[in-house]
Structures are given as structure tokens and as C-alpha cells.
Amino acid sequence: MCKMAGQKTFTLSQVAQHRSKKDCWFVINGRVLDVTKFLDEHPAGGEVLVEVAGKDATREFSNIGHSKEAQNLLLKYQVGVLQGHAFNEADKNASFVESKHKEMSAFVIKDDKMPKYQAFLEFVLPLLFTGFYFGYRYL
């Protein structure tokens, strides 16, 4: 493990001073990020980022399961490193690579093994129950 050379070092209390829509910073994997300019571009909306502003958002970022492209964006918005955080060699040598795509790609998990009748039932049963409810309630 080693410390990243040439990067400005911030404490968590310094990062905590940047918690607004006009000045939004947080920490992910020891990297201090200024994502103020990214708030309008974030696929889930800027409010999601403002909620974790001024904090270590590593757990939240990891739990979402971001794409490689999103992970690459971390390097673009990095303004420094968190004091006391150690990086491995791969993280130390990482650099931002501009994507050829203008938009971030997303993927949908689709289970093609679902029987056809199940899709039909998922559509018809709620309608059937709704009809019974209104029939009982108003007749």
C-alpha cells in the first residue's frame, strides 16, 4: 500500500464543509471528489449525491453496483485524497479515460426463464382483484 503522490490531502472535516448543491464534495475509496458539475448529469438525479455530500460515500457507491464507466468518472472529479487512506499500486496509477459515448450506458437484468403464463398472470390478476374489490365495495 502506498499514498498517492502529487494529490492534495483533505481531512473528513474539510470535506464536510462542502455539502450543498453549489459545492458538493464527498469521499469514495479514499478519493475526495468534487461532483458539483456532475449533479445535473447524474442518472438518478443530483439529490442522491447531495444526500451523501460531505461524507464518506464508499458504501453507498459500492451498494449500487456502478458500471465501469461510472467508476472511471471518479477519477475525473477527483480533487484530492483523504488523509490517512492508503492506496494499492493499481489505484495509484489509475487515470481518467474520456468515454466515446455521450451518455452513460445502463443495463437491465432480464430473466428470460419466466414462463409465458406467469407474465399473463402478473397482468391479469391485479386487474381481476381490482374488479372484485370495486364490485364488492360499490355494488
C-alpha atoms as a PDB file:
ATOM      1  CA  MET A   1       0.000   0.000   0.000  1.00  0.00           C
ATOM      2  CA  CYS A   2       1.171   3.493  -0.725  1.00  0.00           C
ATOM      3  CA  LYS A   3      -0.017   7.050  -0.625  1.00  0.00           C
ATOM      4  CA  MET A   4      -0.859   8.794  -3.910  1.00  0.00           C
ATOM      5  CA  ALA A   5       1.882  11.249  -4.761  1.00  0.00           C
ATOM      6  CA  GLY A   6       1.066  14.719  -6.050  1.00  0.00           C
ATOM      7  CA  GLN A   7      -2.507  14.729  -4.727  1.00  0.00           C
ATOM      8  CA  LYS A   8      -3.808  17.321  -2.290  1.00  0.00           C
ATOM      9  CA  THR A   9      -4.734  15.769   1.062  1.00  0.00           C
ATOM     10  CA  PHE A  10      -8.027  16.565   2.814  1.00  0.00           C
ATOM     11  CA  THR A  11      -9.459  15.572   6.180  1.00  0.00           C
ATOM     12  CA  LEU A  12     -13.039  14.364   6.501  1.00  0.00           C
ATOM     13  CA  SER A  13     -13.887  17.557   8.400  1.00  0.00           C
ATOM     14  CA  GLN A  14     -12.648  19.615   5.436  1.00  0.00           C
ATOM     15  CA  VAL A  15     -14.779  17.553   3.058  1.00  0.00           C
ATOM     16  CA  ALA A  16     -17.780  18.027   5.394  1.00  0.00           C
ATOM     17  CA  GLN A  17     -17.716  21.767   4.658  1.00  0.00           C
ATOM     18  CA  HIS A  18     -18.849  21.060   1.069  1.00  0.00           C
ATOM     19  CA  ARG A  19     -22.449  19.815   1.458  1.00  0.00           C
ATOM     20  CA  SER A  20     -24.639  21.890  -0.829  1.00  0.00           C
ATOM     21  CA  LYS A  21     -25.869  21.857  -4.416  1.00  0.00           C
ATOM     22  CA  LYS A  22     -23.460  24.692  -5.185  1.00  0.00           C
ATOM     23  CA  ASP A  23     -20.489  22.957  -3.561  1.00  0.00           C
ATOM     24  CA  CYS A  24     -20.832  19.166  -3.367  1.00  0.00           C
ATOM     25  CA  TRP A  25     -17.890  17.011  -2.274  1.00  0.00           C
ATOM     26  CA  PHE A  26     -17.648  13.508  -0.849  1.00  0.00           C
ATOM     27  CA  VAL A  27     -15.191  10.637  -0.479  1.00  0.00           C
ATOM     28  CA  ILE A  28     -15.245   7.311  -2.331  1.00  0.00           C
ATOM     29  CA  ASN A  29     -12.483   4.760  -1.743  1.00  0.00           C
ATOM     30  CA  GLY A  30     -10.239   7.425  -0.241  1.00  0.00           C
ATOM     31  CA  ARG A  31     -10.636   9.767  -3.212  1.00  0.00           C
ATOM     32  CA  VAL A  32     -12.033  13.234  -2.485  1.00  0.00           C
ATOM     33  CA  LEU A  33     -14.455  14.150  -5.268  1.00  0.00           C
ATOM     34  CA  ASP A  34     -15.964  17.499  -6.253  1.00  0.00           C
ATOM     35  CA  VAL A  35     -19.114  16.453  -8.120  1.00  0.00           C
ATOM     36  CA  THR A  36     -20.789  19.864  -8.209  1.00  0.00           C
ATOM     37  CA  LYS A  37     -20.678  19.994 -12.019  1.00  0.00           C
ATOM     38  CA  PHE A  38     -21.965  16.406 -12.253  1.00  0.00           C
ATOM     39  CA  LEU A  39     -25.170  16.924 -10.212  1.00  0.00           C
ATOM     40  CA  ASP A  40     -27.336  17.687 -13.265  1.00  0.00           C
ATOM     41  CA  GLU A  41     -25.850  14.777 -15.240  1.00  0.00           C
ATOM     42  CA  HIS A  42     -26.253  12.012 -12.624  1.00  0.00           C
ATOM     43  CA  PRO A  43     -28.763   9.414 -13.896  1.00  0.00           C
ATOM     44  CA  ALA A  44     -30.554   9.187 -10.536  1.00  0.00           C
ATOM     45  CA  GLY A  45     -30.594  12.960 -10.055  1.00  0.00           C
ATOM     46  CA  GLY A  46     -28.390  15.321  -8.122  1.00  0.00           C
ATOM     47  CA  GLU A  47     -30.347  14.926  -4.882  1.00  0.00           C
ATOM     48  CA  VAL A  48     -28.872  11.452  -4.442  1.00  0.00           C
ATOM     49  CA  LEU A  49     -25.386  12.951  -4.448  1.00  0.00           C
ATOM     50  CA  VAL A  50     -26.297  15.879  -2.188  1.00  0.00           C
ATOM     51  CA  GLU A  51     -27.609  13.388   0.410  1.00  0.00           C
ATOM     52  CA  VAL A  52     -24.099  11.962   0.885  1.00  0.00           C
ATOM     53  CA  ALA A  53     -22.239  15.250   0.417  1.00  0.00           C
ATOM     54  CA  GLY A  54     -19.555  15.933   2.982  1.00  0.00           C
ATOM     55  CA  LYS A  55     -19.304  12.247   3.956  1.00  0.00           C
ATOM     56  CA  ASP A  56     -17.535   9.047   3.017  1.00  0.00           C
ATOM     57  CA  ALA A  57     -19.915   7.595   0.412  1.00  0.00           C
ATOM     58  CA  THR A  58     -17.884   4.463  -0.357  1.00  0.00           C
ATOM     59  CA  ARG A  59     -20.518   2.060   0.997  1.00  0.00           C
ATOM     60  CA  GLU A  60     -23.381   3.764  -0.846  1.00  0.00           C
ATOM     61  CA  PHE A  61     -21.414   3.789  -4.114  1.00  0.00           C
ATOM     62  CA  SER A  62     -20.490   0.114  -3.761  1.00  0.00           C
ATOM     63  CA  ASN A  63     -24.019  -0.989  -2.841  1.00  0.00           C
ATOM     64  CA  ILE A  64     -25.483   0.463  -6.047  1.00  0.00           C
ATOM     65  CA  GLY A  65     -23.221  -1.579  -8.333  1.00  0.00           C
ATOM     66  CA  HIS A  66     -21.999   1.153 -10.662  1.00  0.00           C
ATOM     67  CA  SER A  67     -20.680   0.398 -14.149  1.00  0.00           C
ATOM     68  CA  LYS A  68     -17.004   0.562 -15.070  1.00  0.00           C
ATOM     69  CA  GLU A  69     -17.738   3.835 -16.830  1.00  0.00           C
ATOM     70  CA  ALA A  70     -19.179   5.303 -13.633  1.00  0.00           C
ATOM     71  CA  GLN A  71     -16.173   4.081 -11.670  1.00  0.00           C
ATOM     72  CA  ASN A  72     -13.924   5.715 -14.260  1.00  0.00           C
ATOM     73  CA  LEU A  73     -15.732   9.034 -13.701  1.00  0.00           C
ATOM     74  CA  LEU A  74     -14.436   9.067 -10.128  1.00  0.00           C
ATOM     75  CA  LEU A  75     -11.023   9.964 -11.468  1.00  0.00           C
ATOM     76  CA  LYS A  76     -12.416  12.871 -13.499  1.00  0.00           C
ATOM     77  CA  TYR A  77     -13.945  14.557 -10.453  1.00  0.00           C
ATOM     78  CA  GLN A  78     -11.133  13.770  -8.004  1.00  0.00           C
ATOM     79  CA  VAL A  79      -9.664  16.837  -6.296  1.00  0.00           C
ATOM     80  CA  GLY A  80      -7.510  15.040  -3.743  1.00  0.00           C
ATOM     81  CA  VAL A  81      -7.216  12.141  -1.324  1.00  0.00           C
ATOM     82  CA  LEU A  82      -8.456  11.505   2.189  1.00  0.00           C
ATOM     83  CA  GLN A  83      -5.831  11.937   4.862  1.00  0.00           C
ATOM     84  CA  GLY A  84      -4.584   8.579   6.163  1.00  0.00           C
ATOM     85  CA  HIS A  85      -6.041   6.485   3.338  1.00  0.00           C
ATOM     86  CA  ALA A  86      -3.618   4.040   1.707  1.00  0.00           C
ATOM     87  CA  PHE A  87      -3.921   3.076  -1.967  1.00  0.00           C
ATOM     88  CA  ASN A  88      -2.653  -0.030  -3.729  1.00  0.00           C
ATOM     89  CA  GLU A  89      -0.479   0.238  -6.849  1.00  0.00           C
ATOM     90  CA  ALA A  90      -3.390  -0.214  -9.269  1.00  0.00           C
ATOM     91  CA  ASP A  91      -5.295   2.690  -7.691  1.00  0.00           C
ATOM     92  CA  LYS A  92      -2.185   4.842  -7.604  1.00  0.00           C
ATOM     93  CA  ASN A  93      -1.574   4.518 -11.342  1.00  0.00           C
ATOM     94  CA  ALA A  94      -5.202   4.871 -12.421  1.00  0.00           C
ATOM     95  CA  SER A  95      -6.043   7.700 -14.802  1.00  0.00           C
ATOM     96  CA  PHE A  96      -9.248   9.092 -16.277  1.00  0.00           C
ATOM     97  CA  VAL A  97     -10.099   7.955 -19.813  1.00  0.00           C
ATOM     98  CA  GLU A  98     -12.767  10.037 -21.590  1.00  0.00           C
ATOM     99  CA  SER A  99     -15.622   7.878 -22.823  1.00  0.00           C
ATOM    100  CA  LYS A 100     -16.547   7.839 -26.507  1.00  0.00           C
ATOM    101  CA  HIS A 101     -20.227   7.783 -25.539  1.00  0.00           C
ATOM    102  CA  LYS A 102     -22.021  10.996 -24.639  1.00  0.00           C
ATOM    103  CA  GLU A 103     -24.354   9.185 -22.238  1.00  0.00           C
ATOM    104  CA  MET A 104     -23.651   6.632 -19.577  1.00  0.00           C
ATOM    105  CA  SER A 105     -24.675   3.124 -20.512  1.00  0.00           C
ATOM    106  CA  ALA A 106     -27.053   1.139 -18.348  1.00  0.00           C
ATOM    107  CA  PHE A 107     -28.094  -2.454 -18.289  1.00  0.00           C
ATOM    108  CA  VAL A 108     -31.273  -4.245 -17.317  1.00  0.00           C
ATOM    109  CA  ILE A 109     -31.310  -7.652 -15.732  1.00  0.00           C
ATOM    110  CA  LYS A 110     -33.922  -9.690 -17.545  1.00  0.00           C
ATOM    111  CA  ASP A 111     -34.924 -13.188 -16.600  1.00  0.00           C
ATOM    112  CA  ASP A 112     -35.876 -14.938 -19.852  1.00  0.00           C
ATOM    113  CA  LYS A 113     -36.709 -18.147 -17.989  1.00  0.00           C
ATOM    114  CA  MET A 114     -40.078 -16.793 -16.825  1.00  0.00           C
ATOM    115  CA  PRO A 115     -42.957 -18.875 -18.265  1.00  0.00           C
ATOM    116  CA  LYS A 116     -45.323 -17.025 -20.586  1.00  0.00           C
ATOM    117  CA  TYR A 117     -48.343 -17.725 -18.401  1.00  0.00           C
ATOM    118  CA  GLN A 118     -46.602 -16.014 -15.465  1.00  0.00           C
ATOM    119  CA  ALA A 119     -46.351 -12.734 -17.386  1.00  0.00           C
ATOM    120  CA  PHE A 120     -50.036 -13.065 -18.261  1.00  0.00           C
ATOM    121  CA  LEU A 121     -50.978 -13.705 -14.621  1.00  0.00           C
ATOM    122  CA  GLU A 122     -48.914 -10.732 -13.435  1.00  0.00           C
ATOM    123  CA  PHE A 123     -51.035  -8.568 -15.707  1.00  0.00           C
ATOM    124  CA  VAL A 124     -54.485 -10.157 -15.275  1.00  0.00           C
ATOM    125  CA  LEU A 125     -54.587 -10.978 -11.542  1.00  0.00           C
ATOM    126  CA  PRO A 126     -54.228  -7.386 -10.296  1.00  0.00           C
ATOM    127  CA  LEU A 127     -56.995  -6.331 -12.706  1.00  0.00           C
ATOM    128  CA  LEU A 128     -59.186  -9.186 -11.518  1.00  0.00           C
ATOM    129  CA  PHE A 129     -58.687  -8.336  -7.832  1.00  0.00           C
ATOM    130  CA  THR A 130     -59.291  -4.660  -8.513  1.00  0.00           C
ATOM    131  CA  GLY A 131     -62.534  -5.532 -10.295  1.00  0.00           C
ATOM    132  CA  PHE A 132     -63.672  -7.725  -7.383  1.00  0.00           C
ATOM    133  CA  TYR A 133     -62.804  -5.003  -4.873  1.00  0.00           C
ATOM    134  CA  PHE A 134     -64.747  -2.288  -6.680  1.00  0.00           C
ATOM    135  CA  GLY A 135     -67.626  -4.686  -7.363  1.00  0.00           C
ATOM    136  CA  TYR A 136     -67.869  -5.587  -3.665  1.00  0.00           C
ATOM    137  CA  ARG A 137     -67.369  -2.020  -2.493  1.00  0.00           C
ATOM    138  CA  TYR A 138     -69.847  -0.231  -4.765  1.00  0.00           C
ATOM    139  CA  LEU A 139     -72.466  -2.864  -5.667  1.00  0.00           C
END
